[in-house]
PDB file of N, CA and C in Angstrom:
ATOM      1  N   MET A   1      49.873  43.859 -19.765  1.00  0.00           N
ATOM      2  CA  MET A   1      48.550  43.557 -19.275  1.00  0.00           C
ATOM      3  C   MET A   1      48.124  42.134 -19.634  1.00  0.00           C
ATOM      4  N   LYS A   2      48.560  41.639 -20.796  1.00  0.00           N
ATOM      5  CA  LYS A   2      48.148  40.299 -21.210  1.00  0.00           C
ATOM      6  C   LYS A   2      48.919  39.190 -20.481  1.00  0.00           C
ATOM      7  N   ASN A   3      49.952  39.554 -19.736  1.00  0.00           N
ATOM      8  CA  ASN A   3      50.720  38.551 -19.006  1.00  0.00           C
ATOM      9  C   ASN A   3      50.221  38.347 -17.585  1.00  0.00           C
ATOM     10  N   ILE A   4      49.140  39.008 -17.196  1.00  0.00           N
ATOM     11  CA  ILE A   4      48.657  38.896 -15.818  1.00  0.00           C
ATOM     12  C   ILE A   4      48.084  37.503 -15.540  1.00  0.00           C
ATOM     13  N   VAL A   5      47.211  37.012 -16.397  1.00  0.00           N
ATOM     14  CA  VAL A   5      46.573  35.707 -16.184  1.00  0.00           C
ATOM     15  C   VAL A   5      47.598  34.574 -16.198  1.00  0.00           C
ATOM     16  N   PRO A   6      48.505  34.502 -17.189  1.00  0.00           N
ATOM     17  CA  PRO A   6      49.505  33.429 -17.144  1.00  0.00           C
ATOM     18  C   PRO A   6      50.403  33.500 -15.903  1.00  0.00           C
ATOM     19  N   THR A   7      50.757  34.708 -15.502  1.00  0.00           N
ATOM     20  CA  THR A   7      51.598  34.856 -14.317  1.00  0.00           C
ATOM     21  C   THR A   7      50.852  34.403 -13.066  1.00  0.00           C
ATOM     22  N   LEU A   8      49.581  34.771 -12.962  1.00  0.00           N
ATOM     23  CA  LEU A   8      48.779  34.329 -11.815  1.00  0.00           C
ATOM     24  C   LEU A   8      48.623  32.810 -11.793  1.00  0.00           C
ATOM     25  N   LEU A   9      48.427  32.201 -12.966  1.00  0.00           N
ATOM     26  CA  LEU A   9      48.337  30.742 -13.032  1.00  0.00           C
ATOM     27  C   LEU A   9      49.639  30.085 -12.590  1.00  0.00           C
ATOM     28  N   LEU A  10      50.750  30.614 -13.059  1.00  0.00           N
ATOM     29  CA  LEU A  10      52.045  30.046 -12.715  1.00  0.00           C
ATOM     30  C   LEU A  10      52.328  30.172 -11.217  1.00  0.00           C
ATOM     31  N   VAL A  11      52.155  31.362 -10.687  1.00  0.00           N
ATOM     32  CA  VAL A  11      52.418  31.591  -9.258  1.00  0.00           C
ATOM     33  C   VAL A  11      51.409  30.824  -8.395  1.00  0.00           C
ATOM     34  N   GLY A  12      50.143  30.839  -8.802  1.00  0.00           N
ATOM     35  CA  GLY A  12      49.122  30.107  -8.055  1.00  0.00           C
ATOM     36  C   GLY A  12      49.362  28.607  -8.062  1.00  0.00           C
ATOM     37  N   GLY A  13      49.764  28.067  -9.197  1.00  0.00           N
ATOM     38  CA  GLY A  13      50.058  26.636  -9.277  1.00  0.00           C
ATOM     39  C   GLY A  13      51.213  26.234  -8.386  1.00  0.00           C
ATOM     40  N   ILE A  14      52.253  27.038  -8.372  1.00  0.00           N
ATOM     41  CA  ILE A  14      53.401  26.748  -7.505  1.00  0.00           C
ATOM     42  C   ILE A  14      52.992  26.860  -6.038  1.00  0.00           C
ATOM     43  N   ALA A  15      52.153  27.851  -5.724  1.00  0.00           N
ATOM     44  CA  ALA A  15      51.682  28.010  -4.341  1.00  0.00           C
ATOM     45  C   ALA A  15      50.836  26.820  -3.899  1.00  0.00           C
ATOM     46  N   ILE A  16      50.006  26.301  -4.791  1.00  0.00           N
ATOM     47  CA  ILE A  16      49.188  25.132  -4.462  1.00  0.00           C
ATOM     48  C   ILE A  16      50.070  23.922  -4.190  1.00  0.00           C
ATOM     49  N   ILE A  17      51.094  23.725  -5.008  1.00  0.00           N
ATOM     50  CA  ILE A  17      52.009  22.600  -4.790  1.00  0.00           C
ATOM     51  C   ILE A  17      52.732  22.744  -3.449  1.00  0.00           C
ATOM     52  N   LEU A  18      53.205  23.944  -3.142  1.00  0.00           N
ATOM     53  CA  LEU A  18      53.895  24.168  -1.871  1.00  0.00           C
ATOM     54  C   LEU A  18      52.960  23.953  -0.689  1.00  0.00           C
ATOM     55  N   PHE A  19      51.716  24.412  -0.800  1.00  0.00           N
ATOM     56  CA  PHE A  19      50.740  24.200   0.261  1.00  0.00           C
ATOM     57  C   PHE A  19      50.496  22.709   0.471  1.00  0.00           C
ATOM     58  N   GLY A  20      50.405  21.965  -0.630  1.00  0.00           N
ATOM     59  CA  GLY A  20      50.202  20.517  -0.532  1.00  0.00           C
ATOM     60  C   GLY A  20      51.363  19.809   0.118  1.00  0.00           C
ATOM     61  N   THR A  21      52.587  20.255  -0.151  1.00  0.00           N
ATOM     62  CA  THR A  21      53.744  19.609   0.478  1.00  0.00           C
ATOM     63  C   THR A  21      53.818  19.947   1.958  1.00  0.00           C
ATOM     64  N   MET A  22      53.325  21.125   2.363  1.00  0.00           N
ATOM     65  CA  MET A  22      53.305  21.458   3.788  1.00  0.00           C
ATOM     66  C   MET A  22      52.256  20.629   4.521  1.00  0.00           C
ATOM     67  N   ARG A  23      51.140  20.339   3.877  1.00  0.00           N
ATOM     68  CA  ARG A  23      50.085  19.552   4.506  1.00  0.00           C
ATOM     69  C   ARG A  23      50.368  18.060   4.434  1.00  0.00           C
ATOM     70  N   LYS A  24      51.371  17.655   3.693  1.00  0.00           N
ATOM     71  CA  LYS A  24      51.650  16.239   3.464  1.00  0.00           C
ATOM     72  C   LYS A  24      51.864  15.474   4.764  1.00  0.00           C
ATOM     73  N   ASP A  25      52.601  16.045   5.695  1.00  0.00           N
ATOM     74  CA  ASP A  25      52.933  15.342   6.926  1.00  0.00           C
ATOM     75  C   ASP A  25      51.974  15.648   8.070  1.00  0.00           C
ATOM     76  N   GLU A  26      50.920  16.398   7.798  1.00  0.00           N
ATOM     77  CA  GLU A  26      49.956  16.733   8.837  1.00  0.00           C
ATOM     78  C   GLU A  26      49.209  15.463   9.263  1.00  0.00           C
ATOM     79  N   GLY A  27      49.098  15.254  10.537  1.00  0.00           N
ATOM     80  CA  GLY A  27      48.375  14.092  11.035  1.00  0.00           C
ATOM     81  C   GLY A  27      49.217  12.831  11.113  1.00  0.00           C
ATOM     82  N   GLN A  28      50.508  12.953  10.941  1.00  0.00           N
ATOM     83  CA  GLN A  28      51.394  11.796  11.024  1.00  0.00           C
ATOM     84  C   GLN A  28      52.214  11.861  12.302  1.00  0.00           C
ATOM     85  N   ALA A  29      52.506  10.714  12.841  1.00  0.00           N
ATOM     86  CA  ALA A  29      53.343  10.651  14.033  1.00  0.00           C
ATOM     87  C   ALA A  29      54.309   9.475  13.883  1.00  0.00           C
ATOM     88  N   ASP A  30      55.527   9.683  14.328  1.00  0.00           N
ATOM     89  CA  ASP A  30      56.544   8.623  14.312  1.00  0.00           C
ATOM     90  C   ASP A  30      56.935   8.297  15.740  1.00  0.00           C
ATOM     91  N   ILE A  31      56.983   7.017  16.036  1.00  0.00           N
ATOM     92  CA  ILE A  31      57.408   6.557  17.355  1.00  0.00           C
ATOM     93  C   ILE A  31      58.711   5.807  17.162  1.00  0.00           C
ATOM     94  N   ASP A  32      59.749   6.231  17.857  1.00  0.00           N
ATOM     95  CA  ASP A  32      61.070   5.618  17.734  1.00  0.00           C
ATOM     96  C   ASP A  32      61.344   4.793  18.982  1.00  0.00           C
ATOM     97  N   LEU A  33      61.464   3.482  18.811  1.00  0.00           N
ATOM     98  CA  LEU A  33      61.748   2.560  19.914  1.00  0.00           C
ATOM     99  C   LEU A  33      63.107   1.911  19.691  1.00  0.00           C
ATOM    100  N   GLY A  34      64.145   2.716  19.750  1.00  0.00           N
ATOM    101  CA  GLY A  34      65.481   2.176  19.515  1.00  0.00           C
ATOM    102  C   GLY A  34      65.662   1.866  18.044  1.00  0.00           C
ATOM    103  N   ALA A  35      65.799   0.570  17.722  1.00  0.00           N
ATOM    104  CA  ALA A  35      66.017   0.167  16.335  1.00  0.00           C
ATOM    105  C   ALA A  35      64.710   0.063  15.553  1.00  0.00           C
ATOM    106  N   THR A  36      63.586   0.163  16.237  1.00  0.00           N
ATOM    107  CA  THR A  36      62.281   0.038  15.596  1.00  0.00           C
ATOM    108  C   THR A  36      61.602   1.397  15.521  1.00  0.00           C
ATOM    109  N   GLU A  37      61.049   1.709  14.354  1.00  0.00           N
ATOM    110  CA  GLU A  37      60.319   2.965  14.184  1.00  0.00           C
ATOM    111  C   GLU A  37      58.924   2.658  13.672  1.00  0.00           C
ATOM    112  N   ILE A  38      57.933   3.247  14.324  1.00  0.00           N
ATOM    113  CA  ILE A  38      56.540   3.017  13.970  1.00  0.00           C
ATOM    114  C   ILE A  38      55.948   4.327  13.462  1.00  0.00           C
ATOM    115  N   SER A  39      55.302   4.286  12.292  1.00  0.00           N
ATOM    116  CA  SER A  39      54.627   5.460  11.742  1.00  0.00           C
ATOM    117  C   SER A  39      53.127   5.276  11.884  1.00  0.00           C
ATOM    118  N   ILE A  40      52.486   6.280  12.466  1.00  0.00           N
ATOM    119  CA  ILE A  40      51.045   6.238  12.680  1.00  0.00           C
ATOM    120  C   ILE A  40      50.431   7.455  12.006  1.00  0.00           C
ATOM    121  N   GLY A  41      49.345   7.272  11.290  1.00  0.00           N
ATOM    122  CA  GLY A  41      48.662   8.418  10.692  1.00  0.00           C
ATOM    123  C   GLY A  41      48.139   8.115   9.313  1.00  0.00           C
ATOM    124  N   LYS A  42      47.726   9.181   8.653  1.00  0.00           N
ATOM    125  CA  LYS A  42      47.158   9.066   7.315  1.00  0.00           C
ATOM    126  C   LYS A  42      48.249   8.733   6.301  1.00  0.00           C
ATOM    127  N   SER A  43      47.808   8.168   5.188  1.00  0.00           N
ATOM    128  CA  SER A  43      48.762   7.919   4.111  1.00  0.00           C
ATOM    129  C   SER A  43      49.016   9.221   3.360  1.00  0.00           C
ATOM    130  N   ASP A  44      50.011   9.236   2.503  1.00  0.00           N
ATOM    131  CA  ASP A  44      50.382  10.432   1.753  1.00  0.00           C
ATOM    132  C   ASP A  44      49.553  10.599   0.484  1.00  0.00           C
ATOM    133  N   ALA A  45      48.462   9.876   0.351  1.00  0.00           N
ATOM    134  CA  ALA A  45      47.635   9.969  -0.851  1.00  0.00           C
ATOM    135  C   ALA A  45      46.969  11.336  -0.977  1.00  0.00           C
ATOM    136  N   SER A  46      46.843  12.062   0.115  1.00  0.00           N
ATOM    137  CA  SER A  46      46.192  13.372   0.056  1.00  0.00           C
ATOM    138  C   SER A  46      47.073  14.401  -0.646  1.00  0.00           C
ATOM    139  N   PHE A  47      48.329  14.097  -0.887  1.00  0.00           N
ATOM    140  CA  PHE A  47      49.247  15.010  -1.570  1.00  0.00           C
ATOM    141  C   PHE A  47      48.953  15.095  -3.056  1.00  0.00           C
ATOM    142  N   TRP A  48      48.476  14.036  -3.669  1.00  0.00           N
ATOM    143  CA  TRP A  48      48.325  13.968  -5.120  1.00  0.00           C
ATOM    144  C   TRP A  48      47.375  14.999  -5.702  1.00  0.00           C
ATOM    145  N   PRO A  49      46.206  15.284  -5.100  1.00  0.00           N
ATOM    146  CA  PRO A  49      45.345  16.312  -5.714  1.00  0.00           C
ATOM    147  C   PRO A  49      46.024  17.677  -5.792  1.00  0.00           C
ATOM    148  N   TYR A  50      46.780  18.045  -4.768  1.00  0.00           N
ATOM    149  CA  TYR A  50      47.489  19.323  -4.796  1.00  0.00           C
ATOM    150  C   TYR A  50      48.528  19.342  -5.907  1.00  0.00           C
ATOM    151  N   PHE A  51      49.237  18.235  -6.058  1.00  0.00           N
ATOM    152  CA  PHE A  51      50.271  18.145  -7.081  1.00  0.00           C
ATOM    153  C   PHE A  51      49.670  18.220  -8.478  1.00  0.00           C
ATOM    154  N   ILE A  52      48.549  17.532  -8.692  1.00  0.00           N
ATOM    155  CA  ILE A  52      47.928  17.510 -10.013  1.00  0.00           C
ATOM    156  C   ILE A  52      47.359  18.880 -10.369  1.00  0.00           C
ATOM    157  N   VAL A  53      46.551  19.455  -9.476  1.00  0.00           N
ATOM    158  CA  VAL A  53      45.919  20.748  -9.757  1.00  0.00           C
ATOM    159  C   VAL A  53      46.975  21.846  -9.887  1.00  0.00           C
ATOM    160  N   GLY A  54      47.924  21.879  -8.951  1.00  0.00           N
ATOM    161  CA  GLY A  54      48.978  22.890  -9.009  1.00  0.00           C
ATOM    162  C   GLY A  54      49.869  22.729 -10.219  1.00  0.00           C
ATOM    163  N   GLY A  55      50.179  21.501 -10.567  1.00  0.00           N
ATOM    164  CA  GLY A  55      51.026  21.244 -11.729  1.00  0.00           C
ATOM    165  C   GLY A  55      50.356  21.642 -13.033  1.00  0.00           C
ATOM    166  N   VAL A  56      49.067  21.339 -13.153  1.00  0.00           N
ATOM    167  CA  VAL A  56      48.333  21.712 -14.366  1.00  0.00           C
ATOM    168  C   VAL A  56      48.239  23.237 -14.478  1.00  0.00           C
ATOM    169  N   ALA A  57      47.944  23.906 -13.362  1.00  0.00           N
ATOM    170  CA  ALA A  57      47.842  25.371 -13.390  1.00  0.00           C
ATOM    171  C   ALA A  57      49.192  26.008 -13.727  1.00  0.00           C
ATOM    172  N   ALA A  58      50.266  25.518 -13.113  1.00  0.00           N
ATOM    173  CA  ALA A  58      51.589  26.077 -13.383  1.00  0.00           C
ATOM    174  C   ALA A  58      52.012  25.814 -14.828  1.00  0.00           C
ATOM    175  N   ALA A  59      51.732  24.619 -15.328  1.00  0.00           N
ATOM    176  CA  ALA A  59      52.085  24.298 -16.711  1.00  0.00           C
ATOM    177  C   ALA A  59      51.282  25.159 -17.688  1.00  0.00           C
ATOM    178  N   ALA A  60      49.991  25.362 -17.404  1.00  0.00           N
ATOM    179  CA  ALA A  60      49.170  26.193 -18.280  1.00  0.00           C
ATOM    180  C   ALA A  60      49.682  27.632 -18.287  1.00  0.00           C
ATOM    181  N   GLY A  61      50.045  28.149 -17.126  1.00  0.00           N
ATOM    182  CA  GLY A  61      50.580  29.503 -17.053  1.00  0.00           C
ATOM    183  C   GLY A  61      51.891  29.639 -17.812  1.00  0.00           C
ATOM    184  N   LEU A  62      52.749  28.632 -17.680  1.00  0.00           N
ATOM    185  CA  LEU A  62      54.029  28.665 -18.378  1.00  0.00           C
ATOM    186  C   LEU A  62      53.836  28.609 -19.890  1.00  0.00           C
ATOM    187  N   VAL A  63      52.940  27.750 -20.346  1.00  0.00           N
ATOM    188  CA  VAL A  63      52.664  27.639 -21.784  1.00  0.00           C
ATOM    189  C   VAL A  63      52.097  28.964 -22.317  1.00  0.00           C
ATOM    190  N   MET A  64      51.189  29.557 -21.555  1.00  0.00           N
ATOM    191  CA  MET A  64      50.591  30.828 -21.984  1.00  0.00           C
ATOM    192  C   MET A  64      51.634  31.944 -22.021  1.00  0.00           C
ATOM    193  N   LEU A  65      52.561  31.941 -21.063  1.00  0.00           N
ATOM    194  CA  LEU A  65      53.619  32.949 -21.079  1.00  0.00           C
ATOM    195  C   LEU A  65      54.540  32.792 -22.284  1.00  0.00           C
ATOM    196  N   VAL A  66      54.908  31.544 -22.586  1.00  0.00           N
ATOM    197  CA  VAL A  66      55.806  31.295 -23.718  1.00  0.00           C
ATOM    198  C   VAL A  66      55.101  31.607 -25.037  1.00  0.00           C
ATOM    199  N   LYS A  67      53.847  31.210 -25.182  1.00  0.00           N
ATOM    200  CA  LYS A  67      53.086  31.484 -26.404  1.00  0.00           C
ATOM    201  C   LYS A  67      52.868  32.984 -26.590  1.00  0.00           C
ATOM    202  N   GLY A  68      52.691  33.723 -25.500  1.00  0.00           N
ATOM    203  CA  GLY A  68      52.438  35.137 -25.579  1.00  0.00           C
ATOM    204  C   GLY A  68      53.657  35.942 -26.011  1.00  0.00           C
ATOM    205  N   ARG A  69      54.836  35.405 -25.812  1.00  0.00           N
ATOM    206  CA  ARG A  69      56.066  36.124 -26.178  1.00  0.00           C
ATOM    207  C   ARG A  69      56.445  35.923 -27.630  1.00  0.00           C
ATOM    208  N   LYS A  70      55.855  34.966 -28.289  1.00  0.00           N
ATOM    209  CA  LYS A  70      56.188  34.704 -29.695  1.00  0.00           C
ATOM    210  C   LYS A  70      55.450  35.618 -30.619  1.00  0.00           C
TER     211      LYS A  70
END
């Protein structure tokens, strides 16, 4: 019962990171003109909040799981 919160944090953090990587290329378009390629769209800066929040949640869950087993 005490492993529910750490497990939810770990799984939720990984899910947030995966969701952020799926949204990373949203709104981007590539135009290929032979040897020239043009990228149009938003920058990838929107990926960082997902990585930070998901990483902190996953790390907290992992730490809580390891501490709980000792």
